[in-house]
């Protein structure tokens, strides 16, 4: 069960990451907020990497 949960969690975080990237691109293109969109994408990337590392290490 642990492996299945980890895979489902990883896939979910990747889907959420792509949605966040889409919002970051929207901020950059439509709202002309390059710094905000860039940092939003970086924050989403950090959240995905950190949460998946913690989940797979079972910390």
C-alpha atoms as a PDB file:
ATOM      1  CA  UNK A   1       0.000   0.000   0.000  1.00  0.00           C
ATOM      2  CA  UNK A   2       2.858   2.398   0.683  1.00  0.00           C
ATOM      3  CA  UNK A   3       4.173   2.262  -2.876  1.00  0.00           C
ATOM      4  CA  UNK A   4       0.737   2.796  -4.399  1.00  0.00           C
ATOM      5  CA  UNK A   5       0.112   5.788  -2.135  1.00  0.00           C
ATOM      6  CA  UNK A   6       3.516   7.284  -3.006  1.00  0.00           C
ATOM      7  CA  UNK A   7       2.858   6.935  -6.746  1.00  0.00           C
ATOM      8  CA  UNK A   8      -0.616   8.475  -6.456  1.00  0.00           C
ATOM      9  CA  UNK A   9       0.792  11.315  -4.336  1.00  0.00           C
ATOM     10  CA  UNK A  10       3.578  11.953  -6.858  1.00  0.00           C
ATOM     11  CA  UNK A  11       1.179  12.027  -9.801  1.00  0.00           C
ATOM     12  CA  UNK A  12      -1.151  14.372  -7.947  1.00  0.00           C
ATOM     13  CA  UNK A  13       1.641  16.787  -7.091  1.00  0.00           C
ATOM     14  CA  UNK A  14       2.846  16.777 -10.705  1.00  0.00           C
ATOM     15  CA  UNK A  15      -0.668  17.613 -11.957  1.00  0.00           C
ATOM     16  CA  UNK A  16      -0.952  20.432  -9.415  1.00  0.00           C
ATOM     17  CA  UNK A  17       2.503  21.648 -10.463  1.00  0.00           C
ATOM     18  CA  UNK A  18       1.475  21.893 -14.122  1.00  0.00           C
ATOM     19  CA  UNK A  19      -1.650  23.821 -13.145  1.00  0.00           C
ATOM     20  CA  UNK A  20       0.526  26.172 -11.098  1.00  0.00           C
ATOM     21  CA  UNK A  21       2.897  26.656 -14.022  1.00  0.00           C
ATOM     22  CA  UNK A  22      -0.085  27.533 -16.193  1.00  0.00           C
ATOM     23  CA  UNK A  23      -1.120  30.175 -13.662  1.00  0.00           C
ATOM     24  CA  UNK A  24       2.446  31.505 -13.543  1.00  0.00           C
ATOM     25  CA  UNK A  25       2.476  31.826 -17.315  1.00  0.00           C
ATOM     26  CA  UNK A  26      -0.888  33.595 -17.145  1.00  0.00           C
ATOM     27  CA  UNK A  27       0.569  36.077 -14.638  1.00  0.00           C
ATOM     28  CA  UNK A  28       3.554  36.704 -16.897  1.00  0.00           C
ATOM     29  CA  UNK A  29       1.637  37.113 -20.162  1.00  0.00           C
ATOM     30  CA  UNK A  30      -1.716  38.663 -19.253  1.00  0.00           C
ATOM     31  CA  UNK A  31      -1.011  40.564 -16.056  1.00  0.00           C
ATOM     32  CA  UNK A  32       2.517  41.647 -17.091  1.00  0.00           C
ATOM     33  CA  UNK A  33       3.779  40.483 -13.694  1.00  0.00           C
ATOM     34  CA  UNK A  34       7.031  38.771 -14.664  1.00  0.00           C
ATOM     35  CA  UNK A  35       8.555  38.654 -11.185  1.00  0.00           C
ATOM     36  CA  UNK A  36       5.370  37.321  -9.567  1.00  0.00           C
ATOM     37  CA  UNK A  37       4.844  34.659 -12.225  1.00  0.00           C
ATOM     38  CA  UNK A  38       8.474  33.568 -12.115  1.00  0.00           C
ATOM     39  CA  UNK A  39       8.529  33.247  -8.341  1.00  0.00           C
ATOM     40  CA  UNK A  40       5.163  31.481  -8.319  1.00  0.00           C
ATOM     41  CA  UNK A  41       6.578  28.858 -10.683  1.00  0.00           C
ATOM     42  CA  UNK A  42       9.718  28.523  -8.552  1.00  0.00           C
ATOM     43  CA  UNK A  43       7.656  28.147  -5.384  1.00  0.00           C
ATOM     44  CA  UNK A  44       5.514  25.465  -7.020  1.00  0.00           C
ATOM     45  CA  UNK A  45       8.640  23.624  -8.198  1.00  0.00           C
ATOM     46  CA  UNK A  46      10.170  23.743  -4.723  1.00  0.00           C
ATOM     47  CA  UNK A  47       6.913  22.506  -3.166  1.00  0.00           C
ATOM     48  CA  UNK A  48       6.693  19.561  -5.569  1.00  0.00           C
ATOM     49  CA  UNK A  49      10.313  18.528  -5.113  1.00  0.00           C
ATOM     50  CA  UNK A  50      10.351  18.945  -1.334  1.00  0.00           C
ATOM     51  CA  UNK A  51       7.021  17.207  -0.708  1.00  0.00           C
ATOM     52  CA  UNK A  52       7.915  14.267  -2.934  1.00  0.00           C
ATOM     53  CA  UNK A  53      11.320  13.838  -1.300  1.00  0.00           C
ATOM     54  CA  UNK A  54       9.733  13.841   2.139  1.00  0.00           C
ATOM     55  CA  UNK A  55       7.039  11.398   1.036  1.00  0.00           C
ATOM     56  CA  UNK A  56       9.461   8.939  -0.559  1.00  0.00           C
ATOM     57  CA  UNK A  57      11.867   9.096   2.406  1.00  0.00           C
ATOM     58  CA  UNK A  58       8.973   8.694   4.875  1.00  0.00           C
ATOM     59  CA  UNK A  59      10.295  11.472   7.091  1.00  0.00           C
END
